[in-house]
């Protein structure tokens, strides 16, 4: 038994997710628990097999990571406790003697492949893509001289440092279509005390529209706009129980401890059939969130006191 916090992450060792985990915990003594995919990581937290999970939620090429968004939105409640953003580039690794022209099958995680398609079209046009469960598993298979899920592969795209760590040949470094590509990772836990507001926070929600008709999305968004709440991300996801209808995954800039965010959530609760609170947590970045005039906590308090005075017959 161990008293160290257990962190589930997309394994095996050497993935970007593991790097994100240690970027979040720093020097803290934790037990890193590799799992096969995002649902397994979140399921481990729900079951109590892990205390926390670190998972990718968004990248600058493919947008939201649907496995994370969908698994968070359904099942026993989970909340986001923090985030980090990592720059993402890859290295092309293979067994000694393998060059670009020898590669017939190349492996990577599907999100990694989406970030290097243009490079692959120019550099290894003959290669067929073989999906891997993570950005480390393909390189491990090559290092072991074994097929990947029964398919022989010649090369793998992997995080920087993989070739040196596994004794493979570095065929090419700094592989990326977008040199500014980055992935946002979040730390997930079970509901409890919400992290204290910092002035630069995010609140993540899943919201179902009140009705399937023209203007329904506008009505939902007005709950935020009327209270001066900016949204940094909004994505539609198909509802598993209502084919042809959609829910929305939302990042709002602010903290549930703020009156304007709490009031927006109350408005959503009154008007939407389902609102799932997925946490308020410190956002990456140093700039404080701008709050419009009339939307500060003091402004809400003054307005509430004014209404109370009217109810008590005060002019």
Protein backbone atom coordinates (compact mmCIF):
# COMPACT_ATOMS: atom_id res chain seq x y z
CA UNK A 1 0.00 0.00 0.00
CA UNK A 2 1.11 3.57 -0.60
CA UNK A 3 -0.02 6.97 0.60
CA UNK A 4 1.28 8.63 -2.56
CA UNK A 5 -1.44 10.13 -4.79
CA UNK A 6 -2.10 7.82 -7.73
CA UNK A 7 -2.24 9.46 -11.17
CA UNK A 8 -3.65 7.55 -14.14
CA UNK A 9 -2.28 8.60 -17.53
CA UNK A 10 -2.16 7.40 -21.12
CA UNK A 11 0.78 5.03 -21.15
CA UNK A 12 3.22 3.53 -21.56
CA UNK A 13 6.05 5.60 -20.12
CA UNK A 14 7.37 8.26 -22.47
CA UNK A 15 4.10 9.74 -23.74
CA UNK A 16 3.29 13.43 -23.87
CA UNK A 17 0.62 12.74 -21.24
CA UNK A 18 3.24 11.47 -18.82
CA UNK A 19 5.26 14.63 -19.47
CA UNK A 20 2.14 16.71 -18.75
CA UNK A 21 1.58 14.79 -15.51
CA UNK A 22 5.03 15.67 -14.20
CA UNK A 23 4.71 19.24 -15.44
CA UNK A 24 1.64 19.52 -13.20
CA UNK A 25 2.89 17.77 -10.07
CA UNK A 26 6.45 19.10 -10.15
CA UNK A 27 8.57 17.52 -7.42
CA UNK A 28 5.61 15.97 -5.60
CA UNK A 29 5.94 12.28 -4.77
CA UNK A 30 3.22 10.57 -6.82
CA UNK A 31 2.51 7.12 -8.21
CA UNK A 32 2.10 7.28 -12.00
CA UNK A 33 -0.27 4.58 -13.27
CA UNK A 34 -0.15 3.98 -17.06
CA UNK A 35 -3.42 2.93 -18.70
CA UNK A 36 -4.44 2.06 -22.25
CA UNK A 37 -6.68 5.02 -23.12
CA UNK A 38 -8.57 8.09 -21.87
CA UNK A 39 -11.76 6.23 -20.79
CA UNK A 40 -9.60 3.86 -18.74
CA UNK A 41 -7.85 6.81 -17.06
CA UNK A 42 -11.12 8.52 -16.14
CA UNK A 43 -12.69 5.19 -15.19
CA UNK A 44 -9.84 4.57 -12.75
CA UNK A 45 -10.68 7.83 -10.95
CA UNK A 46 -14.38 7.01 -10.86
CA UNK A 47 -13.71 3.54 -9.42
CA UNK A 48 -11.17 4.78 -6.86
CA UNK A 49 -8.28 2.86 -8.44
CA UNK A 50 -6.60 6.25 -9.02
CA UNK A 51 -6.90 9.54 -7.18
CA UNK A 52 -6.43 11.67 -10.28
CA UNK A 53 -6.04 11.37 -14.02
CA UNK A 54 -4.15 13.52 -16.49
CA UNK A 55 -5.63 13.51 -19.99
CA UNK A 56 -5.43 15.58 -23.16
CA UNK A 57 -8.51 17.73 -23.72
CA UNK A 58 -7.63 19.97 -26.68
CA UNK A 59 -4.94 20.53 -29.29
CA UNK A 60 -4.31 23.31 -31.75
CA UNK A 61 -4.69 21.06 -34.80
CA UNK A 62 -7.64 18.74 -34.13
CA UNK A 63 -9.48 20.82 -31.51
CA UNK A 64 -11.20 19.01 -28.66
CA UNK A 65 -10.19 15.46 -27.76
CA UNK A 66 -13.56 13.79 -28.13
CA UNK A 67 -12.73 10.77 -25.94
CA UNK A 68 -12.08 13.16 -23.05
CA UNK A 69 -15.07 15.45 -23.67
CA UNK A 70 -17.54 12.57 -24.02
CA UNK A 71 -16.23 10.50 -21.11
CA UNK A 72 -16.29 13.51 -18.78
CA UNK A 73 -19.87 14.38 -19.75
CA UNK A 74 -21.32 10.96 -18.91
CA UNK A 75 -21.14 8.76 -15.85
CA UNK A 76 -20.30 9.54 -12.23
CA UNK A 77 -19.28 13.19 -11.69
CA UNK A 78 -15.69 14.24 -12.27
CA UNK A 79 -14.14 17.71 -12.20
CA UNK A 80 -11.14 19.44 -13.73
CA UNK A 81 -8.69 20.72 -11.12
CA UNK A 82 -5.99 22.30 -13.27
CA UNK A 83 -4.44 22.46 -16.73
CA UNK A 84 -1.14 22.72 -18.52
CA UNK A 85 -0.17 23.27 -22.15
CA UNK A 86 2.75 21.50 -23.80
CA UNK A 87 4.32 22.29 -27.17
CA UNK A 88 4.09 19.23 -29.39
CA UNK A 89 6.55 18.06 -31.99
CA UNK A 90 7.75 14.59 -32.85
CA UNK A 91 10.80 12.64 -33.87
CA UNK A 92 10.84 9.88 -36.46
CA UNK A 93 12.48 6.77 -35.03
CA UNK A 94 13.34 3.37 -36.47
CA UNK A 95 15.76 0.47 -36.20
CA UNK A 96 19.37 1.16 -37.29
CA UNK A 97 19.79 1.33 -41.06
CA UNK A 98 16.24 2.48 -41.83
CA UNK A 99 16.00 5.65 -43.94
CA UNK A 100 13.03 7.68 -45.20
CA UNK A 101 12.76 5.66 -48.42
CA UNK A 102 12.60 2.34 -46.54
CA UNK A 103 9.48 3.23 -44.57
CA UNK A 104 6.39 1.42 -45.82
CA UNK A 105 4.38 1.50 -42.58
CA UNK A 106 4.61 4.24 -39.98
CA UNK A 107 2.82 4.36 -36.65
CA UNK A 108 1.66 7.07 -34.24
CA UNK A 109 -1.37 8.03 -32.20
CA UNK A 110 -4.18 9.30 -34.43
CA UNK A 111 -3.95 12.82 -32.97
CA UNK A 112 -0.22 12.86 -33.67
CA UNK A 113 -0.78 11.77 -37.26
CA UNK A 114 -3.23 14.63 -37.76
CA UNK A 115 -0.42 17.03 -36.82
CA UNK A 116 2.10 15.70 -39.38
CA UNK A 117 0.01 14.80 -42.45
CA UNK A 118 1.56 17.47 -44.69
CA UNK A 119 5.08 16.48 -43.63
CA UNK A 120 4.29 12.81 -44.33
CA UNK A 121 2.85 13.57 -47.78
CA UNK A 122 6.08 15.32 -48.77
CA UNK A 123 8.66 13.23 -46.90
CA UNK A 124 7.34 9.64 -46.90
CA UNK A 125 4.51 9.59 -49.47
CA UNK A 126 4.84 5.81 -49.88
CA UNK A 127 4.14 5.09 -46.20
CA UNK A 128 0.86 3.72 -44.85
CA UNK A 129 -0.29 4.95 -41.45
CA UNK A 130 -0.87 2.36 -38.71
CA UNK A 131 -2.64 3.81 -35.63
CA UNK A 132 -1.17 3.20 -32.19
CA UNK A 133 -2.77 3.51 -28.76
CA UNK A 134 -0.22 6.15 -27.74
CA UNK A 135 2.79 8.05 -29.05
CA UNK A 136 5.14 5.72 -27.17
CA UNK A 137 3.70 2.27 -27.87
CA UNK A 138 4.78 2.18 -31.53
CA UNK A 139 8.37 3.07 -30.69
CA UNK A 140 8.41 0.41 -27.97
CA UNK A 141 7.25 -2.22 -30.47
CA UNK A 142 10.02 -1.23 -32.89
CA UNK A 143 12.63 -1.31 -30.12
CA UNK A 144 11.46 -4.81 -29.16
CA UNK A 145 11.47 -5.96 -32.79
CA UNK A 146 7.80 -6.91 -32.49
CA UNK A 147 4.73 -6.12 -34.63
CA UNK A 148 2.27 -3.51 -33.38
CA UNK A 149 -1.08 -5.23 -32.78
CA UNK A 150 -0.08 -7.85 -35.32
CA UNK A 151 1.16 -5.39 -37.96
CA UNK A 152 4.84 -4.94 -38.75
CA UNK A 153 5.86 -1.27 -38.78
CA UNK A 154 9.08 0.31 -40.02
CA UNK A 155 9.08 3.61 -38.13
CA UNK A 156 7.24 5.54 -35.45
CA UNK A 157 6.52 9.15 -34.60
CA UNK A 158 7.29 9.65 -30.93
CA UNK A 159 8.00 12.38 -28.36
CA UNK A 160 11.46 13.99 -28.44
CA UNK A 161 14.10 11.92 -26.66
CA UNK A 162 12.50 8.56 -27.51
CA UNK A 163 15.27 7.42 -29.88
CA UNK A 164 17.96 8.01 -27.27
CA UNK A 165 15.90 6.45 -24.48
CA UNK A 166 15.13 3.27 -26.44
CA UNK A 167 18.35 2.94 -28.43
CA UNK A 168 16.68 3.57 -31.80
CA UNK A 169 17.88 5.53 -34.81
CA UNK A 170 16.75 9.15 -34.99
CA UNK A 171 15.67 9.35 -38.64
CA UNK A 172 14.38 12.94 -38.34
CA UNK A 173 13.88 15.43 -35.52
CA UNK A 174 11.45 18.34 -35.11
CA UNK A 175 8.63 16.76 -37.13
CA UNK A 176 5.48 18.92 -37.18
CA UNK A 177 3.25 20.60 -39.74
CA UNK A 178 2.73 23.52 -37.38
CA UNK A 179 5.81 24.63 -35.41
CA UNK A 180 3.49 26.25 -32.86
CA UNK A 181 1.36 23.14 -32.24
CA UNK A 182 0.41 22.55 -28.61
CA UNK A 183 -1.84 20.29 -26.58
CA UNK A 184 -3.77 21.23 -23.46
CA UNK A 185 -3.88 18.63 -20.70
CA UNK A 186 -6.10 18.65 -17.61
CA UNK A 187 -5.91 17.09 -14.16
CA UNK A 188 -9.13 15.27 -13.25
CA UNK A 189 -10.41 14.31 -9.82
CA UNK A 190 -13.60 13.47 -7.99
CA UNK A 191 -15.84 16.33 -6.82
CA UNK A 192 -14.76 18.11 -3.66
CA UNK A 193 -13.53 21.53 -2.73
CA UNK A 194 -13.24 23.76 -5.80
CA UNK A 195 -9.78 25.31 -6.27
CA UNK A 196 -9.75 28.89 -4.99
CA UNK A 197 -10.19 31.62 -7.61
CA UNK A 198 -7.01 33.20 -8.95
CA UNK A 199 -8.44 35.92 -11.20
CA UNK A 200 -7.43 33.92 -14.29
CA UNK A 201 -9.69 30.90 -14.17
CA UNK A 202 -11.79 28.70 -16.42
CA UNK A 203 -15.10 27.00 -15.77
CA UNK A 204 -15.87 23.97 -17.93
CA UNK A 205 -19.43 22.82 -18.60
CA UNK A 206 -21.48 20.42 -20.68
CA UNK A 207 -24.85 21.91 -21.64
CA UNK A 208 -27.82 20.48 -23.52
CA UNK A 209 -29.89 22.93 -25.52
CA UNK A 210 -33.39 23.60 -24.14
CA UNK A 211 -35.11 22.76 -27.44
CA UNK A 212 -34.20 21.63 -30.93
CA UNK A 213 -35.33 24.74 -32.79
CA UNK A 214 -34.03 27.89 -34.41
CA UNK A 215 -32.57 30.29 -31.85
CA UNK A 216 -32.01 27.72 -29.10
CA UNK A 217 -28.23 28.07 -29.24
CA UNK A 218 -28.52 31.86 -29.12
CA UNK A 219 -30.73 31.63 -26.02
CA UNK A 220 -28.12 29.46 -24.30
CA UNK A 221 -25.25 31.76 -25.25
CA UNK A 222 -27.16 34.82 -24.02
CA UNK A 223 -26.88 33.43 -20.48
CA UNK A 224 -23.16 34.17 -20.74
CA UNK A 225 -23.29 37.32 -22.86
CA UNK A 226 -25.80 39.06 -20.58
CA UNK A 227 -23.38 38.64 -17.66
CA UNK A 228 -20.18 39.62 -19.47
CA UNK A 229 -18.75 36.08 -19.52
CA UNK A 230 -16.34 35.36 -22.35
CA UNK A 231 -16.10 31.84 -23.77
CA UNK A 232 -12.67 30.55 -24.78
CA UNK A 233 -14.02 27.30 -26.26
CA UNK A 234 -17.38 25.94 -27.39
CA UNK A 235 -17.78 22.64 -29.25
CA UNK A 236 -20.81 20.64 -30.25
CA UNK A 237 -20.97 16.93 -29.51
CA UNK A 238 -23.71 14.53 -30.68
CA UNK A 239 -26.08 13.37 -27.97
CA UNK A 240 -25.91 9.61 -27.57
CA UNK A 241 -29.56 9.48 -26.47
CA UNK A 242 -31.01 11.83 -29.12
CA UNK A 243 -29.63 11.21 -32.65
CA UNK A 244 -29.51 14.43 -34.64
CA UNK A 245 -29.35 16.61 -31.51
CA UNK A 246 -26.27 18.02 -29.83
CA UNK A 247 -24.83 19.06 -26.51
CA UNK A 248 -22.13 21.68 -26.07
CA UNK A 249 -18.81 21.52 -24.27
CA UNK A 250 -17.89 24.99 -23.03
CA UNK A 251 -14.95 26.74 -21.38
CA UNK A 252 -16.03 30.02 -19.77
CA UNK A 253 -13.44 32.50 -18.53
CA UNK A 254 -14.16 32.93 -14.84
CA UNK A 255 -14.72 31.02 -11.60
CA UNK A 256 -17.90 29.72 -10.01
CA UNK A 257 -17.04 31.81 -6.93
CA UNK A 258 -17.64 34.95 -9.05
CA UNK A 259 -21.19 36.31 -9.02
CA UNK A 260 -21.34 36.64 -12.81
CA UNK A 261 -20.34 32.99 -13.38
CA UNK A 262 -22.65 31.69 -10.66
CA UNK A 263 -25.52 33.75 -12.06
CA UNK A 264 -24.86 32.44 -15.58
CA UNK A 265 -24.92 28.86 -14.28
CA UNK A 266 -28.18 29.56 -12.47
CA UNK A 267 -29.65 30.88 -15.71
CA UNK A 268 -28.52 27.77 -17.59
CA UNK A 269 -29.99 25.57 -14.87
CA UNK A 270 -33.37 27.30 -15.21
CA UNK A 271 -33.50 27.09 -19.00
CA UNK A 272 -31.55 23.99 -20.12
CA UNK A 273 -32.49 20.34 -19.49
CA UNK A 274 -28.95 19.34 -18.49
CA UNK A 275 -26.01 21.34 -17.16
CA UNK A 276 -22.92 19.40 -16.03
CA UNK A 277 -20.40 21.40 -13.98
CA UNK A 278 -16.91 20.09 -14.78
CA UNK A 279 -14.93 22.41 -12.55
CA UNK A 280 -13.50 25.88 -12.03
CA UNK A 281 -9.71 25.88 -12.04
CA UNK A 282 -6.65 28.06 -12.70
CA UNK A 283 -6.10 28.71 -16.40
CA UNK A 284 -2.71 28.62 -18.08
CA UNK A 285 -1.40 32.12 -18.72
CA UNK A 286 -0.44 35.12 -16.65
CA UNK A 287 -3.08 37.65 -17.66
CA UNK A 288 -6.04 38.30 -15.36
CA UNK A 289 -9.51 37.85 -16.87
CA UNK A 290 -11.05 41.17 -17.82
CA UNK A 291 -14.42 41.78 -16.13
CA UNK A 292 -16.73 44.29 -17.85
CA UNK A 293 -18.04 47.27 -15.94
CA UNK A 294 -21.18 46.39 -14.05
CA UNK A 295 -20.26 42.68 -13.84
CA UNK A 296 -18.02 42.71 -10.76
CA UNK A 297 -19.08 41.01 -7.53
CA UNK A 298 -19.53 44.46 -5.98
CA UNK A 299 -21.89 45.48 -8.78
CA UNK A 300 -23.99 42.34 -8.29
CA UNK A 301 -24.12 42.94 -4.53
CA UNK A 302 -25.21 46.56 -5.01
CA UNK A 303 -27.92 45.59 -7.48
CA UNK A 304 -29.18 42.84 -5.17
CA UNK A 305 -29.32 45.24 -2.22
CA UNK A 306 -31.19 47.77 -4.35
CA UNK A 307 -33.84 45.18 -5.28
CA UNK A 308 -34.11 44.11 -1.62
CA UNK A 309 -34.66 47.73 -0.69
CA UNK A 310 -37.45 48.08 -3.26
CA UNK A 311 -39.15 45.00 -1.84
CA UNK A 312 -38.99 46.58 1.62
CA UNK A 313 -40.67 49.73 0.39
CA UNK A 314 -37.55 51.89 0.20
CA UNK A 315 -37.47 54.44 -2.59
